[in-house]
Amino acid sequence: MQDDDPQNIKILTVQEVADILRIHRSTVSRYAMAGELKSYVVGNRRLFKDIDVWAFFENQADREYVFGKES
């Protein structure tokens, strides 16, 4: 995984995050507005750092694994 060096961080749009996570744009927006997925509002656009998207993914995957295993 990449470090926090601003030169290595990619800024993503809602659509790009939706494509990466293979979920609908509205789901990305819902996670962001709920504070589950860190985002930044610049003007009228919601943007994401790729490292935040991957951290969110890892957190969701870990939760699913734990909950799935305990059920």
PDB file of N, CA and C in Angstrom:
ATOM      1  N   MET A   1       0.852  -1.178   0.000  1.00  0.00           N
ATOM      2  CA  MET A   1       0.000   0.000   0.000  1.00  0.00           C
ATOM      3  C   MET A   1       0.892   1.234   0.000  1.00  0.00           C
ATOM      4  N   GLN A   2       0.400   2.292  -0.563  1.00  0.00           N
ATOM      5  CA  GLN A   2       1.199   3.499  -0.655  1.00  0.00           C
ATOM      6  C   GLN A   2       1.186   4.288   0.641  1.00  0.00           C
ATOM      7  N   ASP A   3       2.209   5.157   0.763  1.00  0.00           N
ATOM      8  CA  ASP A   3       2.296   5.967   1.967  1.00  0.00           C
ATOM      9  C   ASP A   3       1.490   7.248   1.812  1.00  0.00           C
ATOM     10  N   ASP A   4       1.587   8.134   2.782  1.00  0.00           N
ATOM     11  CA  ASP A   4       0.803   9.370   2.781  1.00  0.00           C
ATOM     12  C   ASP A   4       1.468  10.506   2.008  1.00  0.00           C
ATOM     13  N   ASP A   5       2.505  10.216   1.243  1.00  0.00           N
ATOM     14  CA  ASP A   5       3.167  11.244   0.446  1.00  0.00           C
ATOM     15  C   ASP A   5       2.166  11.811  -0.562  1.00  0.00           C
ATOM     16  N   PRO A   6       1.898  13.122  -0.508  1.00  0.00           N
ATOM     17  CA  PRO A   6       0.899  13.720  -1.408  1.00  0.00           C
ATOM     18  C   PRO A   6       1.180  13.454  -2.887  1.00  0.00           C
ATOM     19  N   GLN A   7       2.431  13.206  -3.226  1.00  0.00           N
ATOM     20  CA  GLN A   7       2.771  12.921  -4.620  1.00  0.00           C
ATOM     21  C   GLN A   7       2.238  11.561  -5.075  1.00  0.00           C
ATOM     22  N   ASN A   8       1.994  10.661  -4.132  1.00  0.00           N
ATOM     23  CA  ASN A   8       1.555   9.305  -4.465  1.00  0.00           C
ATOM     24  C   ASN A   8       0.055   9.094  -4.301  1.00  0.00           C
ATOM     25  N   ILE A   9      -0.636  10.044  -3.701  1.00  0.00           N
ATOM     26  CA  ILE A   9      -2.067   9.887  -3.452  1.00  0.00           C
ATOM     27  C   ILE A   9      -2.860  10.275  -4.691  1.00  0.00           C
ATOM     28  N   LYS A  10      -3.816   9.435  -5.049  1.00  0.00           N
ATOM     29  CA  LYS A  10      -4.705   9.732  -6.175  1.00  0.00           C
ATOM     30  C   LYS A  10      -6.025  10.248  -5.620  1.00  0.00           C
ATOM     31  N   ILE A  11      -6.560  11.257  -6.272  1.00  0.00           N
ATOM     32  CA  ILE A  11      -7.859  11.803  -5.909  1.00  0.00           C
ATOM     33  C   ILE A  11      -8.900  11.181  -6.837  1.00  0.00           C
ATOM     34  N   LEU A  12      -9.961  10.666  -6.257  1.00  0.00           N
ATOM     35  CA  LEU A  12     -10.985   9.935  -7.003  1.00  0.00           C
ATOM     36  C   LEU A  12     -12.342  10.613  -6.902  1.00  0.00           C
ATOM     37  N   THR A  13     -13.137  10.439  -7.942  1.00  0.00           N
ATOM     38  CA  THR A  13     -14.516  10.930  -7.951  1.00  0.00           C
ATOM     39  C   THR A  13     -15.439   9.842  -7.390  1.00  0.00           C
ATOM     40  N   VAL A  14     -16.689  10.212  -7.173  1.00  0.00           N
ATOM     41  CA  VAL A  14     -17.685   9.240  -6.709  1.00  0.00           C
ATOM     42  C   VAL A  14     -17.772   8.072  -7.694  1.00  0.00           C
ATOM     43  N   GLN A  15     -17.798   8.370  -8.986  1.00  0.00           N
ATOM     44  CA  GLN A  15     -17.904   7.309  -9.994  1.00  0.00           C
ATOM     45  C   GLN A  15     -16.687   6.393  -9.970  1.00  0.00           C
ATOM     46  N   GLU A  16     -15.500   6.948  -9.817  1.00  0.00           N
ATOM     47  CA  GLU A  16     -14.291   6.123  -9.765  1.00  0.00           C
ATOM     48  C   GLU A  16     -14.297   5.217  -8.537  1.00  0.00           C
ATOM     49  N   VAL A  17     -14.747   5.740  -7.404  1.00  0.00           N
ATOM     50  CA  VAL A  17     -14.849   4.911  -6.192  1.00  0.00           C
ATOM     51  C   VAL A  17     -15.884   3.811  -6.397  1.00  0.00           C
ATOM     52  N   ALA A  18     -17.010   4.153  -6.994  1.00  0.00           N
ATOM     53  CA  ALA A  18     -18.054   3.155  -7.276  1.00  0.00           C
ATOM     54  C   ALA A  18     -17.504   2.052  -8.170  1.00  0.00           C
ATOM     55  N   ASP A  19     -16.723   2.431  -9.167  1.00  0.00           N
ATOM     56  CA  ASP A  19     -16.136   1.436 -10.072  1.00  0.00           C
ATOM     57  C   ASP A  19     -15.140   0.538  -9.343  1.00  0.00           C
ATOM     58  N   ILE A  20     -14.315   1.128  -8.487  1.00  0.00           N
ATOM     59  CA  ILE A  20     -13.325   0.352  -7.743  1.00  0.00           C
ATOM     60  C   ILE A  20     -14.006  -0.647  -6.808  1.00  0.00           C
ATOM     61  N   LEU A  21     -15.006  -0.173  -6.068  1.00  0.00           N
ATOM     62  CA  LEU A  21     -15.679  -1.025  -5.082  1.00  0.00           C
ATOM     63  C   LEU A  21     -16.797  -1.867  -5.680  1.00  0.00           C
ATOM     64  N   ARG A  22     -17.123  -1.579  -6.943  1.00  0.00           N
ATOM     65  CA  ARG A  22     -18.193  -2.294  -7.655  1.00  0.00           C
ATOM     66  C   ARG A  22     -19.527  -2.167  -6.941  1.00  0.00           C
ATOM     67  N   ILE A  23     -19.813  -0.924  -6.563  1.00  0.00           N
ATOM     68  CA  ILE A  23     -21.096  -0.595  -5.952  1.00  0.00           C
ATOM     69  C   ILE A  23     -21.666   0.617  -6.681  1.00  0.00           C
ATOM     70  N   HIS A  24     -22.915   0.939  -6.413  1.00  0.00           N
ATOM     71  CA  HIS A  24     -23.574   2.057  -7.088  1.00  0.00           C
ATOM     72  C   HIS A  24     -23.080   3.390  -6.536  1.00  0.00           C
ATOM     73  N   ARG A  25     -23.104   4.410  -7.377  1.00  0.00           N
ATOM     74  CA  ARG A  25     -22.693   5.762  -6.974  1.00  0.00           C
ATOM     75  C   ARG A  25     -23.451   6.240  -5.737  1.00  0.00           C
ATOM     76  N   SER A  26     -24.740   5.963  -5.672  1.00  0.00           N
ATOM     77  CA  SER A  26     -25.531   6.425  -4.526  1.00  0.00           C
ATOM     78  C   SER A  26     -25.094   5.732  -3.235  1.00  0.00           C
ATOM     79  N   THR A  27     -24.608   4.507  -3.341  1.00  0.00           N
ATOM     80  CA  THR A  27     -24.103   3.800  -2.166  1.00  0.00           C
ATOM     81  C   THR A  27     -22.820   4.449  -1.678  1.00  0.00           C
ATOM     82  N   VAL A  28     -21.953   4.841  -2.608  1.00  0.00           N
ATOM     83  CA  VAL A  28     -20.726   5.558  -2.246  1.00  0.00           C
ATOM     84  C   VAL A  28     -21.095   6.852  -1.519  1.00  0.00           C
ATOM     85  N   SER A  29     -22.019   7.598  -2.083  1.00  0.00           N
ATOM     86  CA  SER A  29     -22.443   8.861  -1.472  1.00  0.00           C
ATOM     87  C   SER A  29     -23.040   8.638  -0.091  1.00  0.00           C
ATOM     88  N   ARG A  30     -23.821   7.590   0.064  1.00  0.00           N
ATOM     89  CA  ARG A  30     -24.443   7.290   1.355  1.00  0.00           C
ATOM     90  C   ARG A  30     -23.375   6.969   2.408  1.00  0.00           C
ATOM     91  N   TYR A  31     -22.389   6.143   2.048  1.00  0.00           N
ATOM     92  CA  TYR A  31     -21.291   5.843   2.972  1.00  0.00           C
ATOM     93  C   TYR A  31     -20.530   7.115   3.337  1.00  0.00           C
ATOM     94  N   ALA A  32     -20.303   7.979   2.357  1.00  0.00           N
ATOM     95  CA  ALA A  32     -19.552   9.217   2.597  1.00  0.00           C
ATOM     96  C   ALA A  32     -20.332  10.161   3.505  1.00  0.00           C
ATOM     97  N   MET A  33     -21.606  10.344   3.232  1.00  0.00           N
ATOM     98  CA  MET A  33     -22.416  11.263   4.035  1.00  0.00           C
ATOM     99  C   MET A  33     -22.616  10.745   5.455  1.00  0.00           C
ATOM    100  N   ALA A  34     -22.579   9.438   5.633  1.00  0.00           N
ATOM    101  CA  ALA A  34     -22.711   8.842   6.963  1.00  0.00           C
ATOM    102  C   ALA A  34     -21.382   8.877   7.725  1.00  0.00           C
ATOM    103  N   GLY A  35     -20.307   9.259   7.044  1.00  0.00           N
ATOM    104  CA  GLY A  35     -19.004   9.322   7.685  1.00  0.00           C
ATOM    105  C   GLY A  35     -18.260   7.998   7.713  1.00  0.00           C
ATOM    106  N   GLU A  36     -18.800   6.980   7.073  1.00  0.00           N
ATOM    107  CA  GLU A  36     -18.135   5.680   7.046  1.00  0.00           C
ATOM    108  C   GLU A  36     -16.975   5.656   6.054  1.00  0.00           C
ATOM    109  N   LEU A  37     -17.086   6.451   5.004  1.00  0.00           N
ATOM    110  CA  LEU A  37     -16.054   6.555   3.973  1.00  0.00           C
ATOM    111  C   LEU A  37     -15.601   8.009   3.942  1.00  0.00           C
ATOM    112  N   LYS A  38     -14.348   8.241   4.302  1.00  0.00           N
ATOM    113  CA  LYS A  38     -13.830   9.608   4.386  1.00  0.00           C
ATOM    114  C   LYS A  38     -13.845  10.256   3.010  1.00  0.00           C
ATOM    115  N   SER A  39     -14.370  11.490   2.960  1.00  0.00           N
ATOM    116  CA  SER A  39     -14.428  12.217   1.698  1.00  0.00           C
ATOM    117  C   SER A  39     -14.190  13.697   1.945  1.00  0.00           C
ATOM    118  N   TYR A  40     -14.002  14.412   0.861  1.00  0.00           N
ATOM    119  CA  TYR A  40     -13.713  15.843   0.915  1.00  0.00           C
ATOM    120  C   TYR A  40     -14.631  16.534  -0.081  1.00  0.00           C
ATOM    121  N   VAL A  41     -15.270  17.608   0.356  1.00  0.00           N
ATOM    122  CA  VAL A  41     -16.127  18.368  -0.550  1.00  0.00           C
ATOM    123  C   VAL A  41     -15.323  19.576  -1.023  1.00  0.00           C
ATOM    124  N   VAL A  42     -15.162  19.653  -2.338  1.00  0.00           N
ATOM    125  CA  VAL A  42     -14.449  20.760  -2.964  1.00  0.00           C
ATOM    126  C   VAL A  42     -15.433  21.393  -3.940  1.00  0.00           C
ATOM    127  N   GLY A  43     -15.873  22.598  -3.625  1.00  0.00           N
ATOM    128  CA  GLY A  43     -16.927  23.213  -4.424  1.00  0.00           C
ATOM    129  C   GLY A  43     -18.196  22.401  -4.256  1.00  0.00           C
ATOM    130  N   ASN A  44     -18.716  21.922  -5.366  1.00  0.00           N
ATOM    131  CA  ASN A  44     -19.925  21.084  -5.295  1.00  0.00           C
ATOM    132  C   ASN A  44     -19.613  19.613  -5.576  1.00  0.00           C
ATOM    133  N   ARG A  45     -18.339  19.246  -5.498  1.00  0.00           N
ATOM    134  CA  ARG A  45     -17.928  17.869  -5.781  1.00  0.00           C
ATOM    135  C   ARG A  45     -17.452  17.171  -4.521  1.00  0.00           C
ATOM    136  N   ARG A  46     -17.771  15.906  -4.424  1.00  0.00           N
ATOM    137  CA  ARG A  46     -17.275  15.071  -3.330  1.00  0.00           C
ATOM    138  C   ARG A  46     -16.132  14.237  -3.902  1.00  0.00           C
ATOM    139  N   LEU A  47     -14.966  14.363  -3.263  1.00  0.00           N
ATOM    140  CA  LEU A  47     -13.779  13.660  -3.745  1.00  0.00           C
ATOM    141  C   LEU A  47     -13.213  12.772  -2.644  1.00  0.00           C
ATOM    142  N   PHE A  48     -12.408  11.806  -3.049  1.00  0.00           N
ATOM    143  CA  PHE A  48     -11.877  10.795  -2.138  1.00  0.00           C
ATOM    144  C   PHE A  48     -10.395  10.588  -2.407  1.00  0.00           C
ATOM    145  N   LYS A  49      -9.644  10.314  -1.343  1.00  0.00           N
ATOM    146  CA  LYS A  49      -8.254   9.887  -1.503  1.00  0.00           C
ATOM    147  C   LYS A  49      -8.276   8.371  -1.658  1.00  0.00           C
ATOM    148  N   ASP A  50      -7.478   7.853  -2.588  1.00  0.00           N
ATOM    149  CA  ASP A  50      -7.475   6.406  -2.808  1.00  0.00           C
ATOM    150  C   ASP A  50      -7.101   5.633  -1.548  1.00  0.00           C
ATOM    151  N   ILE A  51      -6.215   6.177  -0.726  1.00  0.00           N
ATOM    152  CA  ILE A  51      -5.837   5.460   0.499  1.00  0.00           C
ATOM    153  C   ILE A  51      -7.015   5.328   1.458  1.00  0.00           C
ATOM    154  N   ASP A  52      -7.905   6.325   1.465  1.00  0.00           N
ATOM    155  CA  ASP A  52      -9.104   6.250   2.313  1.00  0.00           C
ATOM    156  C   ASP A  52     -10.079   5.201   1.784  1.00  0.00           C
ATOM    157  N   VAL A  53     -10.170   5.096   0.463  1.00  0.00           N
ATOM    158  CA  VAL A  53     -11.062   4.106  -0.152  1.00  0.00           C
ATOM    159  C   VAL A  53     -10.580   2.698   0.192  1.00  0.00           C
ATOM    160  N   TRP A  54      -9.265   2.460   0.083  1.00  0.00           N
ATOM    161  CA  TRP A  54      -8.742   1.124   0.390  1.00  0.00           C
ATOM    162  C   TRP A  54      -8.843   0.818   1.874  1.00  0.00           C
ATOM    163  N   ALA A  55      -8.685   1.831   2.742  1.00  0.00           N
ATOM    164  CA  ALA A  55      -8.862   1.610   4.176  1.00  0.00           C
ATOM    165  C   ALA A  55     -10.319   1.232   4.476  1.00  0.00           C
ATOM    166  N   PHE A  56     -11.258   1.920   3.826  1.00  0.00           N
ATOM    167  CA  PHE A  56     -12.675   1.601   3.970  1.00  0.00           C
ATOM    168  C   PHE A  56     -12.942   0.162   3.514  1.00  0.00           C
ATOM    169  N   PHE A  57     -12.383  -0.204   2.369  1.00  0.00           N
ATOM    170  CA  PHE A  57     -12.569  -1.555   1.838  1.00  0.00           C
ATOM    171  C   PHE A  57     -12.046  -2.603   2.822  1.00  0.00           C
ATOM    172  N   GLU A  58     -10.844  -2.386   3.337  1.00  0.00           N
ATOM    173  CA  GLU A  58     -10.260  -3.334   4.286  1.00  0.00           C
ATOM    174  C   GLU A  58     -11.120  -3.454   5.540  1.00  0.00           C
ATOM    175  N   ASN A  59     -11.622  -2.330   6.028  1.00  0.00           N
ATOM    176  CA  ASN A  59     -12.479  -2.330   7.204  1.00  0.00           C
ATOM    177  C   ASN A  59     -13.761  -3.112   6.942  1.00  0.00           C
ATOM    178  N   GLN A  60     -14.372  -2.899   5.791  1.00  0.00           N
ATOM    179  CA  GLN A  60     -15.604  -3.614   5.442  1.00  0.00           C
ATOM    180  C   GLN A  60     -15.331  -5.106   5.286  1.00  0.00           C
ATOM    181  N   ALA A  61     -14.226  -5.442   4.634  1.00  0.00           N
ATOM    182  CA  ALA A  61     -13.876  -6.848   4.423  1.00  0.00           C
ATOM    183  C   ALA A  61     -13.598  -7.532   5.758  1.00  0.00           C
ATOM    184  N   ASP A  62     -12.890  -6.842   6.665  1.00  0.00           N
ATOM    185  CA  ASP A  62     -12.607  -7.415   7.985  1.00  0.00           C
ATOM    186  C   ASP A  62     -13.889  -7.641   8.760  1.00  0.00           C
ATOM    187  N   ARG A  63     -14.823  -6.672   8.705  1.00  0.00           N
ATOM    188  CA  ARG A  63     -16.099  -6.800   9.415  1.00  0.00           C
ATOM    189  C   ARG A  63     -16.908  -7.967   8.871  1.00  0.00           C
ATOM    190  N   GLU A  64     -16.960  -8.109   7.556  1.00  0.00           N
ATOM    191  CA  GLU A  64     -17.711  -9.200   6.947  1.00  0.00           C
ATOM    192  C   GLU A  64     -17.111 -10.535   7.359  1.00  0.00           C
ATOM    193  N   TYR A  65     -15.785 -10.623   7.384  1.00  0.00           N
ATOM    194  CA  TYR A  65     -15.131 -11.861   7.750  1.00  0.00           C
ATOM    195  C   TYR A  65     -15.436 -12.229   9.194  1.00  0.00           C
ATOM    196  N   VAL A  66     -15.346 -11.261  10.083  1.00  0.00           N
ATOM    197  CA  VAL A  66     -15.616 -11.511  11.501  1.00  0.00           C
ATOM    198  C   VAL A  66     -17.072 -11.911  11.702  1.00  0.00           C
ATOM    199  N   PHE A  67     -18.000 -11.125  11.129  1.00  0.00           N
ATOM    200  CA  PHE A  67     -19.414 -11.430  11.305  1.00  0.00           C
ATOM    201  C   PHE A  67     -19.780 -12.738  10.630  1.00  0.00           C
ATOM    202  N   GLY A  68     -19.246 -13.009   9.475  1.00  0.00           N
ATOM    203  CA  GLY A  68     -19.539 -14.250   8.761  1.00  0.00           C
ATOM    204  C   GLY A  68     -19.032 -15.461   9.510  1.00  0.00           C
ATOM    205  N   LYS A  69     -17.872 -15.326  10.127  1.00  0.00           N
ATOM    206  CA  LYS A  69     -17.258 -16.436  10.826  1.00  0.00           C
ATOM    207  C   LYS A  69     -17.980 -16.749  12.129  1.00  0.00           C
ATOM    208  N   GLU A  70     -18.503 -15.721  12.792  1.00  0.00           N
ATOM    209  CA  GLU A  70     -19.162 -15.933  14.078  1.00  0.00           C
ATOM    210  C   GLU A  70     -20.605 -16.420  13.926  1.00  0.00           C
ATOM    211  N   SER A  71     -21.181 -16.243  12.786  1.00  0.00           N
ATOM    212  CA  SER A  71     -22.601 -16.619  12.601  1.00  0.00           C
ATOM    213  C   SER A  71     -22.774 -18.105  12.556  1.00  0.00           C
TER     214      SER A  71
END
